[in-house]
Each structure stands twice: as structure tokens, then as C-alpha cells.
Amino acid sequence: MKIEIFGIGCPNCMKMEANTKKALEETGLEAEIIKVDSLEEIVARGVMGTPAIAIDGEMKSSGKVLNVKQVKALLV
């Protein structure tokens, strides 16, 4: 599984990354987490609000910080 976190390093983006790591830890799943912090890449992928998360290339959420429970729901 490949998880991409989109954001330019703001506190909300860092929280989304932390919540994603925690969700993976709690579910026992393994995934490659890629932080996409290039504004050009974020715009090219059509992200209109950060933080955003994509799983295996499919955008799942943008513009809000998901809590651990919400991330876990996306993973299973």
C-alpha cells in the first residue's frame, strides 16, 4: 500500500501524517508513506486544500485533518 500525504509542512499536515502513522500502527498494516510537499506536485494532482491523503493513487480526503479512527476506516 502506498499512502501519500499532501501538505507544505503546516501543523495540520504534520498532524495528518502522525495520525496516519498511528492508524497503521494500530491496524498492523504496512504501507509506504510519501510526503508530498512540492506545491507544483500538489497543484498538479488537483489538491484544492491541504492536508490531503491519497491511498494507492486515489484521493481519499482533502482540506481537513482526519483523526486516527477516520484514517483507519480508509485503510480497511
C-alpha atoms as a PDB file:
ATOM      1  CA  MET A   1       0.000   0.000   0.000  1.00  0.00           C
ATOM      2  CA  LYS A   2       1.223   3.497  -0.835  1.00  0.00           C
ATOM      3  CA  ILE A   3      -0.071   6.446   1.178  1.00  0.00           C
ATOM      4  CA  GLU A   4       0.618   9.994   0.076  1.00  0.00           C
ATOM      5  CA  ILE A   5       0.198  12.909   2.467  1.00  0.00           C
ATOM      6  CA  PHE A   6      -0.086  16.261   0.694  1.00  0.00           C
ATOM      7  CA  GLY A   7       0.929  19.419   2.516  1.00  0.00           C
ATOM      8  CA  ILE A   8       3.633  22.034   2.699  1.00  0.00           C
ATOM      9  CA  GLY A   9       4.647  21.401   6.306  1.00  0.00           C
ATOM     10  CA  CYS A  10       1.962  23.221   8.267  1.00  0.00           C
ATOM     11  CA  PRO A  11       0.917  21.914  11.699  1.00  0.00           C
ATOM     12  CA  ASN A  12      -2.260  20.365  10.249  1.00  0.00           C
ATOM     13  CA  CYS A  13      -0.248  18.482   7.635  1.00  0.00           C
ATOM     14  CA  MET A  14       2.132  17.168  10.289  1.00  0.00           C
ATOM     15  CA  LYS A  15      -0.854  16.072  12.407  1.00  0.00           C
ATOM     16  CA  MET A  16      -2.320  14.199   9.428  1.00  0.00           C
ATOM     17  CA  GLU A  17       0.974  12.370   8.935  1.00  0.00           C
ATOM     18  CA  ALA A  18       1.168  11.491  12.647  1.00  0.00           C
ATOM     19  CA  ASN A  19      -2.436  10.244  12.670  1.00  0.00           C
ATOM     20  CA  THR A  20      -1.750   8.123   9.588  1.00  0.00           C
ATOM     21  CA  LYS A  21       1.316   6.534  11.191  1.00  0.00           C
ATOM     22  CA  LYS A  22      -0.681   5.839  14.370  1.00  0.00           C
ATOM     23  CA  ALA A  23      -3.519   4.282  12.352  1.00  0.00           C
ATOM     24  CA  LEU A  24      -1.061   1.986  10.585  1.00  0.00           C
ATOM     25  CA  GLU A  25       0.481   1.014  13.910  1.00  0.00           C
ATOM     26  CA  GLU A  26      -2.918   0.235  15.454  1.00  0.00           C
ATOM     27  CA  THR A  27      -4.100  -1.840  12.483  1.00  0.00           C
ATOM     28  CA  GLY A  28      -0.811  -3.665  11.992  1.00  0.00           C
ATOM     29  CA  LEU A  29      -0.833  -2.781   8.304  1.00  0.00           C
ATOM     30  CA  GLU A  30       2.319  -1.854   6.448  1.00  0.00           C
ATOM     31  CA  ALA A  31       2.476   0.976   3.959  1.00  0.00           C
ATOM     32  CA  GLU A  32       4.920   3.291   2.320  1.00  0.00           C
ATOM     33  CA  ILE A  33       4.187   6.856   3.416  1.00  0.00           C
ATOM     34  CA  ILE A  34       5.224   9.525   0.966  1.00  0.00           C
ATOM     35  CA  LYS A  35       5.119  13.166   1.969  1.00  0.00           C
ATOM     36  CA  VAL A  36       4.271  15.380  -0.994  1.00  0.00           C
ATOM     37  CA  ASP A  37       5.346  18.895  -0.089  1.00  0.00           C
ATOM     38  CA  SER A  38       6.057  20.359  -3.510  1.00  0.00           C
ATOM     39  CA  LEU A  39       3.443  22.995  -4.298  1.00  0.00           C
ATOM     40  CA  GLU A  40       3.754  22.188  -8.002  1.00  0.00           C
ATOM     41  CA  GLU A  41       3.071  18.488  -7.361  1.00  0.00           C
ATOM     42  CA  ILE A  42       0.154  19.275  -5.047  1.00  0.00           C
ATOM     43  CA  VAL A  43      -1.462  21.520  -7.672  1.00  0.00           C
ATOM     44  CA  ALA A  44      -0.719  19.029 -10.468  1.00  0.00           C
ATOM     45  CA  ARG A  45      -2.591  16.331  -8.538  1.00  0.00           C
ATOM     46  CA  GLY A  46      -5.622  18.588  -8.224  1.00  0.00           C
ATOM     47  CA  VAL A  47      -5.479  19.054  -4.455  1.00  0.00           C
ATOM     48  CA  MET A  48      -7.533  22.116  -3.591  1.00  0.00           C
ATOM     49  CA  GLY A  49      -6.951  22.071   0.167  1.00  0.00           C
ATOM     50  CA  THR A  50      -4.338  20.614   2.454  1.00  0.00           C
ATOM     51  CA  PRO A  51      -3.786  18.400   4.224  1.00  0.00           C
ATOM     52  CA  ALA A  52      -4.846  15.717   1.786  1.00  0.00           C
ATOM     53  CA  ILE A  53      -4.375  11.959   1.703  1.00  0.00           C
ATOM     54  CA  ALA A  54      -4.285   9.519  -1.196  1.00  0.00           C
ATOM     55  CA  ILE A  55      -4.125   5.747  -0.882  1.00  0.00           C
ATOM     56  CA  ASP A  56      -2.748   3.776  -3.815  1.00  0.00           C
ATOM     57  CA  GLY A  57      -3.177   6.815  -6.054  1.00  0.00           C
ATOM     58  CA  GLU A  58      -6.812   7.504  -5.122  1.00  0.00           C
ATOM     59  CA  MET A  59      -7.522  10.788  -3.329  1.00  0.00           C
ATOM     60  CA  LYS A  60      -9.468   9.997  -0.160  1.00  0.00           C
ATOM     61  CA  SER A  61      -9.685  13.333   1.644  1.00  0.00           C
ATOM     62  CA  SER A  62      -8.526  16.915   1.310  1.00  0.00           C
ATOM     63  CA  GLY A  63      -8.819  20.122   3.271  1.00  0.00           C
ATOM     64  CA  LYS A  64      -9.179  18.609   6.741  1.00  0.00           C
ATOM     65  CA  VAL A  65      -7.188  16.681   9.309  1.00  0.00           C
ATOM     66  CA  LEU A  66      -8.521  13.169   9.710  1.00  0.00           C
ATOM     67  CA  ASN A  67      -8.307  11.656  13.169  1.00  0.00           C
ATOM     68  CA  VAL A  68      -6.812   8.194  13.726  1.00  0.00           C
ATOM     69  CA  LYS A  69     -10.215   6.482  13.587  1.00  0.00           C
ATOM     70  CA  GLN A  70     -11.057   8.153  10.255  1.00  0.00           C
ATOM     71  CA  VAL A  71      -7.715   7.138   8.741  1.00  0.00           C
ATOM     72  CA  LYS A  72      -8.185   3.557   9.948  1.00  0.00           C
ATOM     73  CA  ALA A  73     -11.573   3.462   8.182  1.00  0.00           C
ATOM     74  CA  LEU A  74      -9.830   4.353   4.915  1.00  0.00           C
ATOM     75  CA  LEU A  75      -7.219   1.648   5.368  1.00  0.00           C
ATOM     76  CA  VAL A  76      -9.513  -1.346   5.817  1.00  0.00           C
END
